[in-house]
Amino acid sequence: MDDFGAALADMDDAIELDGKKASYFKQRGNFHYQLKDKDKACADWNKAVQLGDTKAKYSVDQYRK
């Protein structure tokens, strides 16, 4: 999947439909990261952690290094 822009738009739609799924925020954070927007990536990963995805904390910790 090389079209991260389209994938990001799909994740935006998914979050709009159900903004309580941690996995959506984690994946959108990954897409932001691939698009070189680390601040948005970190914000999404933090949201994923708040929603219960403990693995997203690893991404946040790596970003902060």
PDB file of N, CA and C in Angstrom:
ATOM      1  N   MET A   1       0.849  -1.174   0.000  1.00  0.00           N
ATOM      2  CA  MET A   1       0.000   0.000   0.000  1.00  0.00           C
ATOM      3  C   MET A   1       0.890   1.230   0.000  1.00  0.00           C
ATOM      4  N   ASP A   2       1.075   1.819  -1.150  1.00  0.00           N
ATOM      5  CA  ASP A   2       1.937   2.984  -1.269  1.00  0.00           C
ATOM      6  C   ASP A   2       1.175   4.290  -1.191  1.00  0.00           C
ATOM      7  N   ASP A   3      -0.136   4.271  -1.253  1.00  0.00           N
ATOM      8  CA  ASP A   3      -0.922   5.493  -1.257  1.00  0.00           C
ATOM      9  C   ASP A   3      -1.379   5.824   0.162  1.00  0.00           C
ATOM     10  N   PHE A   4      -0.453   6.361   0.953  1.00  0.00           N
ATOM     11  CA  PHE A   4      -0.761   6.664   2.345  1.00  0.00           C
ATOM     12  C   PHE A   4      -1.792   7.778   2.468  1.00  0.00           C
ATOM     13  N   GLY A   5      -1.830   8.686   1.508  1.00  0.00           N
ATOM     14  CA  GLY A   5      -2.828   9.763   1.535  1.00  0.00           C
ATOM     15  C   GLY A   5      -4.242   9.213   1.485  1.00  0.00           C
ATOM     16  N   ALA A   6      -4.488   8.261   0.598  1.00  0.00           N
ATOM     17  CA  ALA A   6      -5.814   7.636   0.490  1.00  0.00           C
ATOM     18  C   ALA A   6      -6.112   6.805   1.727  1.00  0.00           C
ATOM     19  N   ALA A   7      -5.112   6.108   2.213  1.00  0.00           N
ATOM     20  CA  ALA A   7      -5.296   5.296   3.419  1.00  0.00           C
ATOM     21  C   ALA A   7      -5.617   6.196   4.612  1.00  0.00           C
ATOM     22  N   LEU A   8      -4.958   7.332   4.681  1.00  0.00           N
ATOM     23  CA  LEU A   8      -5.211   8.283   5.753  1.00  0.00           C
ATOM     24  C   LEU A   8      -6.655   8.782   5.691  1.00  0.00           C
ATOM     25  N   ALA A   9      -7.137   9.077   4.491  1.00  0.00           N
ATOM     26  CA  ALA A   9      -8.527   9.518   4.323  1.00  0.00           C
ATOM     27  C   ALA A   9      -9.497   8.425   4.771  1.00  0.00           C
ATOM     28  N   ASP A  10      -9.173   7.182   4.475  1.00  0.00           N
ATOM     29  CA  ASP A  10     -10.017   6.067   4.922  1.00  0.00           C
ATOM     30  C   ASP A  10     -10.044   5.977   6.447  1.00  0.00           C
ATOM     31  N   MET A  11      -8.899   6.176   7.080  1.00  0.00           N
ATOM     32  CA  MET A  11      -8.858   6.126   8.540  1.00  0.00           C
ATOM     33  C   MET A  11      -9.613   7.306   9.147  1.00  0.00           C
ATOM     34  N   ASP A  12      -9.542   8.468   8.525  1.00  0.00           N
ATOM     35  CA  ASP A  12     -10.324   9.617   8.991  1.00  0.00           C
ATOM     36  C   ASP A  12     -11.810   9.270   8.980  1.00  0.00           C
ATOM     37  N   ASP A  13     -12.247   8.618   7.909  1.00  0.00           N
ATOM     38  CA  ASP A  13     -13.661   8.210   7.805  1.00  0.00           C
ATOM     39  C   ASP A  13     -14.013   7.197   8.895  1.00  0.00           C
ATOM     40  N   ALA A  14     -13.140   6.248   9.118  1.00  0.00           N
ATOM     41  CA  ALA A  14     -13.399   5.223  10.141  1.00  0.00           C
ATOM     42  C   ALA A  14     -13.497   5.861  11.524  1.00  0.00           C
ATOM     43  N   ILE A  15     -12.618   6.806  11.810  1.00  0.00           N
ATOM     44  CA  ILE A  15     -12.632   7.484  13.107  1.00  0.00           C
ATOM     45  C   ILE A  15     -13.890   8.332  13.251  1.00  0.00           C
ATOM     46  N   GLU A  16     -14.320   8.933  12.161  1.00  0.00           N
ATOM     47  CA  GLU A  16     -15.552   9.721  12.208  1.00  0.00           C
ATOM     48  C   GLU A  16     -16.751   8.826  12.544  1.00  0.00           C
ATOM     49  N   LEU A  17     -16.740   7.607  12.024  1.00  0.00           N
ATOM     50  CA  LEU A  17     -17.832   6.668  12.297  1.00  0.00           C
ATOM     51  C   LEU A  17     -17.747   6.067  13.702  1.00  0.00           C
ATOM     52  N   ASP A  18     -16.531   5.800  14.171  1.00  0.00           N
ATOM     53  CA  ASP A  18     -16.343   5.196  15.486  1.00  0.00           C
ATOM     54  C   ASP A  18     -15.036   5.699  16.082  1.00  0.00           C
ATOM     55  N   GLY A  19     -15.117   6.793  16.792  1.00  0.00           N
ATOM     56  CA  GLY A  19     -13.932   7.435  17.353  1.00  0.00           C
ATOM     57  C   GLY A  19     -13.456   6.855  18.667  1.00  0.00           C
ATOM     58  N   LYS A  20     -13.891   5.645  18.986  1.00  0.00           N
ATOM     59  CA  LYS A  20     -13.481   5.031  20.249  1.00  0.00           C
ATOM     60  C   LYS A  20     -12.645   3.771  20.059  1.00  0.00           C
ATOM     61  N   LYS A  21     -12.239   3.512  18.827  1.00  0.00           N
ATOM     62  CA  LYS A  21     -11.405   2.334  18.560  1.00  0.00           C
ATOM     63  C   LYS A  21      -9.943   2.752  18.537  1.00  0.00           C
ATOM     64  N   ALA A  22      -9.208   2.255  19.496  1.00  0.00           N
ATOM     65  CA  ALA A  22      -7.797   2.594  19.613  1.00  0.00           C
ATOM     66  C   ALA A  22      -7.019   2.208  18.362  1.00  0.00           C
ATOM     67  N   SER A  23      -7.368   1.079  17.765  1.00  0.00           N
ATOM     68  CA  SER A  23      -6.624   0.606  16.597  1.00  0.00           C
ATOM     69  C   SER A  23      -6.709   1.584  15.430  1.00  0.00           C
ATOM     70  N   TYR A  24      -7.822   2.300  15.314  1.00  0.00           N
ATOM     71  CA  TYR A  24      -7.946   3.288  14.240  1.00  0.00           C
ATOM     72  C   TYR A  24      -6.933   4.417  14.434  1.00  0.00           C
ATOM     73  N   PHE A  25      -6.820   4.885  15.667  1.00  0.00           N
ATOM     74  CA  PHE A  25      -5.885   5.977  15.944  1.00  0.00           C
ATOM     75  C   PHE A  25      -4.437   5.515  15.782  1.00  0.00           C
ATOM     76  N   LYS A  26      -4.163   4.293  16.220  1.00  0.00           N
ATOM     77  CA  LYS A  26      -2.802   3.776  16.062  1.00  0.00           C
ATOM     78  C   LYS A  26      -2.434   3.686  14.578  1.00  0.00           C
ATOM     79  N   GLN A  27      -3.337   3.144  13.773  1.00  0.00           N
ATOM     80  CA  GLN A  27      -3.047   3.010  12.348  1.00  0.00           C
ATOM     81  C   GLN A  27      -2.934   4.368  11.670  1.00  0.00           C
ATOM     82  N   ARG A  28      -3.830   5.304  12.034  1.00  0.00           N
ATOM     83  CA  ARG A  28      -3.737   6.637  11.433  1.00  0.00           C
ATOM     84  C   ARG A  28      -2.425   7.295  11.833  1.00  0.00           C
ATOM     85  N   GLY A  29      -1.993   7.071  13.070  1.00  0.00           N
ATOM     86  CA  GLY A  29      -0.691   7.581  13.496  1.00  0.00           C
ATOM     87  C   GLY A  29       0.431   7.013  12.646  1.00  0.00           C
ATOM     88  N   ASN A  30       0.340   5.726  12.328  1.00  0.00           N
ATOM     89  CA  ASN A  30       1.354   5.109  11.463  1.00  0.00           C
ATOM     90  C   ASN A  30       1.371   5.752  10.081  1.00  0.00           C
ATOM     91  N   PHE A  31       0.193   6.060   9.550  1.00  0.00           N
ATOM     92  CA  PHE A  31       0.130   6.720   8.235  1.00  0.00           C
ATOM     93  C   PHE A  31       0.708   8.129   8.303  1.00  0.00           C
ATOM     94  N   HIS A  32       0.380   8.861   9.360  1.00  0.00           N
ATOM     95  CA  HIS A  32       0.953  10.206   9.527  1.00  0.00           C
ATOM     96  C   HIS A  32       2.479  10.122   9.584  1.00  0.00           C
ATOM     97  N   TYR A  33       2.972   9.127  10.292  1.00  0.00           N
ATOM     98  CA  TYR A  33       4.416   8.950  10.410  1.00  0.00           C
ATOM     99  C   TYR A  33       5.037   8.701   9.030  1.00  0.00           C
ATOM    100  N   GLN A  34       4.407   7.847   8.243  1.00  0.00           N
ATOM    101  CA  GLN A  34       4.909   7.556   6.901  1.00  0.00           C
ATOM    102  C   GLN A  34       4.898   8.799   6.010  1.00  0.00           C
ATOM    103  N   LEU A  35       3.963   9.703   6.300  1.00  0.00           N
ATOM    104  CA  LEU A  35       3.862  10.950   5.533  1.00  0.00           C
ATOM    105  C   LEU A  35       4.722  12.060   6.131  1.00  0.00           C
ATOM    106  N   LYS A  36       5.584  11.692   7.091  1.00  0.00           N
ATOM    107  CA  LYS A  36       6.553  12.602   7.711  1.00  0.00           C
ATOM    108  C   LYS A  36       5.903  13.674   8.587  1.00  0.00           C
ATOM    109  N   ASP A  37       4.712  13.411   9.116  1.00  0.00           N
ATOM    110  CA  ASP A  37       4.054  14.337  10.037  1.00  0.00           C
ATOM    111  C   ASP A  37       4.079  13.700  11.425  1.00  0.00           C
ATOM    112  N   LYS A  38       5.244  13.816  12.062  1.00  0.00           N
ATOM    113  CA  LYS A  38       5.471  13.120  13.322  1.00  0.00           C
ATOM    114  C   LYS A  38       4.628  13.682  14.464  1.00  0.00           C
ATOM    115  N   ASP A  39       4.316  14.968  14.439  1.00  0.00           N
ATOM    116  CA  ASP A  39       3.490  15.526  15.509  1.00  0.00           C
ATOM    117  C   ASP A  39       2.079  14.944  15.478  1.00  0.00           C
ATOM    118  N   LYS A  40       1.488  14.850  14.303  1.00  0.00           N
ATOM    119  CA  LYS A  40       0.157  14.251  14.187  1.00  0.00           C
ATOM    120  C   LYS A  40       0.208  12.762  14.508  1.00  0.00           C
ATOM    121  N   ALA A  41       1.297  12.118  14.106  1.00  0.00           N
ATOM    122  CA  ALA A  41       1.455  10.700  14.417  1.00  0.00           C
ATOM    123  C   ALA A  41       1.466  10.497  15.924  1.00  0.00           C
ATOM    124  N   CYS A  42       2.243  11.302  16.618  1.00  0.00           N
ATOM    125  CA  CYS A  42       2.351  11.161  18.064  1.00  0.00           C
ATOM    126  C   CYS A  42       1.009  11.452  18.738  1.00  0.00           C
ATOM    127  N   ALA A  43       0.280  12.441  18.258  1.00  0.00           N
ATOM    128  CA  ALA A  43      -1.036  12.758  18.824  1.00  0.00           C
ATOM    129  C   ALA A  43      -1.981  11.569  18.675  1.00  0.00           C
ATOM    130  N   ASP A  44      -1.974  10.943  17.504  1.00  0.00           N
ATOM    131  CA  ASP A  44      -2.840   9.782  17.295  1.00  0.00           C
ATOM    132  C   ASP A  44      -2.400   8.597  18.144  1.00  0.00           C
ATOM    133  N   TRP A  45      -1.105   8.372  18.242  1.00  0.00           N
ATOM    134  CA  TRP A  45      -0.623   7.271  19.074  1.00  0.00           C
ATOM    135  C   TRP A  45      -0.995   7.500  20.539  1.00  0.00           C
ATOM    136  N   ASN A  46      -0.879   8.747  20.998  1.00  0.00           N
ATOM    137  CA  ASN A  46      -1.282   9.059  22.373  1.00  0.00           C
ATOM    138  C   ASN A  46      -2.764   8.788  22.580  1.00  0.00           C
ATOM    139  N   LYS A  47      -3.577   9.145  21.607  1.00  0.00           N
ATOM    140  CA  LYS A  47      -5.012   8.878  21.702  1.00  0.00           C
ATOM    141  C   LYS A  47      -5.266   7.375  21.764  1.00  0.00           C
ATOM    142  N   ALA A  48      -4.532   6.615  20.978  1.00  0.00           N
ATOM    143  CA  ALA A  48      -4.669   5.159  21.003  1.00  0.00           C
ATOM    144  C   ALA A  48      -4.329   4.613  22.388  1.00  0.00           C
ATOM    145  N   VAL A  49      -3.284   5.158  22.998  1.00  0.00           N
ATOM    146  CA  VAL A  49      -2.912   4.731  24.349  1.00  0.00           C
ATOM    147  C   VAL A  49      -4.043   5.061  25.320  1.00  0.00           C
ATOM    148  N   GLN A  50      -4.600   6.255  25.218  1.00  0.00           N
ATOM    149  CA  GLN A  50      -5.709   6.658  26.094  1.00  0.00           C
ATOM    150  C   GLN A  50      -6.903   5.717  25.941  1.00  0.00           C
ATOM    151  N   LEU A  51      -7.091   5.196  24.749  1.00  0.00           N
ATOM    152  CA  LEU A  51      -8.209   4.296  24.485  1.00  0.00           C
ATOM    153  C   LEU A  51      -7.883   2.840  24.799  1.00  0.00           C
ATOM    154  N   GLY A  52      -6.675   2.588  25.295  1.00  0.00           N
ATOM    155  CA  GLY A  52      -6.352   1.252  25.775  1.00  0.00           C
ATOM    156  C   GLY A  52      -5.357   0.436  24.967  1.00  0.00           C
ATOM    157  N   ASP A  53      -4.776   0.992  23.924  1.00  0.00           N
ATOM    158  CA  ASP A  53      -3.797   0.244  23.126  1.00  0.00           C
ATOM    159  C   ASP A  53      -2.408   0.444  23.729  1.00  0.00           C
ATOM    160  N   THR A  54      -1.992  -0.489  24.548  1.00  0.00           N
ATOM    161  CA  THR A  54      -0.710  -0.347  25.223  1.00  0.00           C
ATOM    162  C   THR A  54       0.477  -0.440  24.260  1.00  0.00           C
ATOM    163  N   LYS A  55       0.302  -1.112  23.138  1.00  0.00           N
ATOM    164  CA  LYS A  55       1.396  -1.220  22.168  1.00  0.00           C
ATOM    165  C   LYS A  55       1.692   0.119  21.487  1.00  0.00           C
ATOM    166  N   ALA A  56       0.706   0.999  21.417  1.00  0.00           N
ATOM    167  CA  ALA A  56       0.914   2.313  20.806  1.00  0.00           C
ATOM    168  C   ALA A  56       1.904   3.142  21.623  1.00  0.00           C
ATOM    169  N   LYS A  57       2.032   2.831  22.898  1.00  0.00           N
ATOM    170  CA  LYS A  57       2.984   3.557  23.746  1.00  0.00           C
ATOM    171  C   LYS A  57       4.404   3.378  23.238  1.00  0.00           C
ATOM    172  N   TYR A  58       4.699   2.235  22.686  1.00  0.00           N
ATOM    173  CA  TYR A  58       6.034   1.997  22.113  1.00  0.00           C
ATOM    174  C   TYR A  58       6.320   3.026  21.013  1.00  0.00           C
ATOM    175  N   SER A  59       5.340   3.285  20.157  1.00  0.00           N
ATOM    176  CA  SER A  59       5.526   4.251  19.077  1.00  0.00           C
ATOM    177  C   SER A  59       5.755   5.647  19.636  1.00  0.00           C
ATOM    178  N   VAL A  60       4.999   6.018  20.663  1.00  0.00           N
ATOM    179  CA  VAL A  60       5.170   7.322  21.301  1.00  0.00           C
ATOM    180  C   VAL A  60       6.569   7.428  21.885  1.00  0.00           C
ATOM    181  N   ASP A  61       6.992   6.394  22.577  1.00  0.00           N
ATOM    182  CA  ASP A  61       8.326   6.406  23.193  1.00  0.00           C
ATOM    183  C   ASP A  61       9.434   6.505  22.153  1.00  0.00           C
ATOM    184  N   GLN A  62       9.273   5.820  21.028  1.00  0.00           N
ATOM    185  CA  GLN A  62      10.273   5.885  19.953  1.00  0.00           C
ATOM    186  C   GLN A  62      10.319   7.274  19.332  1.00  0.00           C
ATOM    187  N   TYR A  63       9.171   7.907  19.196  1.00  0.00           N
ATOM    188  CA  TYR A  63       9.103   9.253  18.626  1.00  0.00           C
ATOM    189  C   TYR A  63       9.842  10.245  19.508  1.00  0.00           C
ATOM    190  N   ARG A  64       9.721  10.083  20.796  1.00  0.00           N
ATOM    191  CA  ARG A  64      10.306  11.041  21.740  1.00  0.00           C
ATOM    192  C   ARG A  64      11.820  10.915  21.865  1.00  0.00           C
ATOM    193  N   LYS A  65      12.385   9.842  21.356  1.00  0.00           N
ATOM    194  CA  LYS A  65      13.852   9.651  21.444  1.00  0.00           C
ATOM    195  C   LYS A  65      14.580  10.557  20.506  1.00  0.00           C
TER     196      LYS A  65
END
